[in-house]
C-alpha atoms as a PDB file:
ATOM      1  CA  MET A   1      -6.495   0.559  -0.427  1.00  0.00           C
ATOM      2  CA  VAL A   2      -3.855   0.134  -3.091  1.00  0.00           C
ATOM      3  CA  GLY A   3      -1.955   3.199  -4.240  1.00  0.00           C
ATOM      4  CA  ASP A   4       1.370   4.461  -5.459  1.00  0.00           C
ATOM      5  CA  ARG A   5       1.608   7.910  -3.828  1.00  0.00           C
ATOM      6  CA  ALA A   6       1.680   9.329  -0.306  1.00  0.00           C
ATOM      7  CA  ASN A   7      -1.829  10.767  -0.684  1.00  0.00           C
ATOM      8  CA  ASP A   8      -3.175   7.266  -1.267  1.00  0.00           C
ATOM      9  CA  MET A   9      -1.620   6.004   1.978  1.00  0.00           C
ATOM     10  CA  LEU A  10      -2.875   9.046   3.872  1.00  0.00           C
ATOM     11  CA  ALA A  11      -6.403   8.474   2.529  1.00  0.00           C
ATOM     12  CA  ALA A  12      -6.278   4.839   3.627  1.00  0.00           C
ATOM     13  CA  ALA A  13      -5.202   5.864   7.124  1.00  0.00           C
ATOM     14  CA  ARG A  14      -7.914   8.532   7.260  1.00  0.00           C
ATOM     15  CA  HIS A  15     -10.522   5.839   6.616  1.00  0.00           C
ATOM     16  CA  ALA A  16      -8.873   3.303   8.958  1.00  0.00           C
ATOM     17  CA  ILE A  17      -8.088   0.768   6.247  1.00  0.00           C
ATOM     18  CA  PRO A  18      -4.728  -0.784   5.348  1.00  0.00           C
ATOM     19  CA  GLY A  19      -2.686   1.010   2.720  1.00  0.00           C
ATOM     20  CA  VAL A  20      -0.837  -1.172   0.221  1.00  0.00           C
ATOM     21  CA  GLY A  21       2.007   0.734  -1.397  1.00  0.00           C
ATOM     22  CA  ALA A  22       2.389  -0.180  -5.076  1.00  0.00           C
ATOM     23  CA  LEU A  23       6.103   0.055  -5.844  1.00  0.00           C
ATOM     24  CA  TRP A  24       5.536  -0.310  -9.592  1.00  0.00           C
ATOM     25  CA  GLY A  25       3.853   3.109  -9.695  1.00  0.00           C
ATOM     26  CA  TYR A  26       5.158   6.659  -9.378  1.00  0.00           C
ATOM     27  CA  GLY A  27       5.898   6.875  -5.646  1.00  0.00           C
ATOM     28  CA  SER A  28       9.116   5.628  -4.087  1.00  0.00           C
ATOM     29  CA  GLU A  29       9.488   3.150  -1.248  1.00  0.00           C
ATOM     30  CA  ASP A  30      10.575   6.005   1.023  1.00  0.00           C
ATOM     31  CA  GLU A  31       7.539   8.121   0.125  1.00  0.00           C
ATOM     32  CA  LEU A  32       5.084   5.296   0.718  1.00  0.00           C
ATOM     33  CA  THR A  33       6.703   4.188   3.952  1.00  0.00           C
ATOM     34  CA  ALA A  34       6.849   7.743   5.307  1.00  0.00           C
ATOM     35  CA  ALA A  35       3.150   8.159   4.503  1.00  0.00           C
ATOM     36  CA  GLY A  36       2.293   5.077   6.585  1.00  0.00           C
ATOM     37  CA  ALA A  37       1.886   2.241   4.103  1.00  0.00           C
ATOM     38  CA  THR A  38       0.811  -0.894   5.939  1.00  0.00           C
ATOM     39  CA  VAL A  39       2.713  -3.043   3.467  1.00  0.00           C
ATOM     40  CA  LEU A  40       4.632  -2.550   0.232  1.00  0.00           C
ATOM     41  CA  CYS A  41       4.008  -4.631  -2.853  1.00  0.00           C
ATOM     42  CA  SER A  42       6.741  -4.894  -5.472  1.00  0.00           C
ATOM     43  CA  SER A  43       4.669  -5.991  -8.469  1.00  0.00           C
ATOM     44  CA  PRO A  44       1.082  -6.529  -9.591  1.00  0.00           C
ATOM     45  CA  ASP A  45       1.763 -10.273  -9.471  1.00  0.00           C
ATOM     46  CA  ASP A  46       2.343  -9.984  -5.699  1.00  0.00           C
ATOM     47  CA  LEU A  47      -0.828  -8.013  -5.071  1.00  0.00           C
ATOM     48  CA  VAL A  48      -3.245 -10.929  -4.686  1.00  0.00           C
ATOM     49  CA  ASN A  49      -1.113 -12.670  -2.058  1.00  0.00           C
ATOM     50  CA  THR A  50      -0.456  -9.408  -0.252  1.00  0.00           C
ATOM     51  CA  VAL A  51      -4.160  -8.581   0.017  1.00  0.00           C
ATOM     52  CA  GLN A  52      -5.007 -12.139   1.059  1.00  0.00           C
ATOM     53  CA  ASP A  53      -2.428 -11.892   3.844  1.00  0.00           C
ATOM     54  CA  LEU A  54      -3.983  -8.627   5.041  1.00  0.00           C
ATOM     55  CA  ILE A  55      -7.518  -9.978   5.250  1.00  0.00           C
ATOM     56  CA  ARG A  56      -6.692 -13.296   6.918  1.00  0.00           C
ATOM     57  CA  VAL A  57      -8.280 -13.576  10.305  1.00  0.00           C
END
């Protein structure tokens, strides 16, 4: 799940899926990390590679 606020990361954890913190949104790095983001993504351009890294088996 990709999101920019703590609630997004908490929802991802609740459903046992990785939470990708979008640093270009409203939430801060500290907020997303504290909420349990699996990984942080600094820009939309980085999103594809970040998600591909998460789903590699």
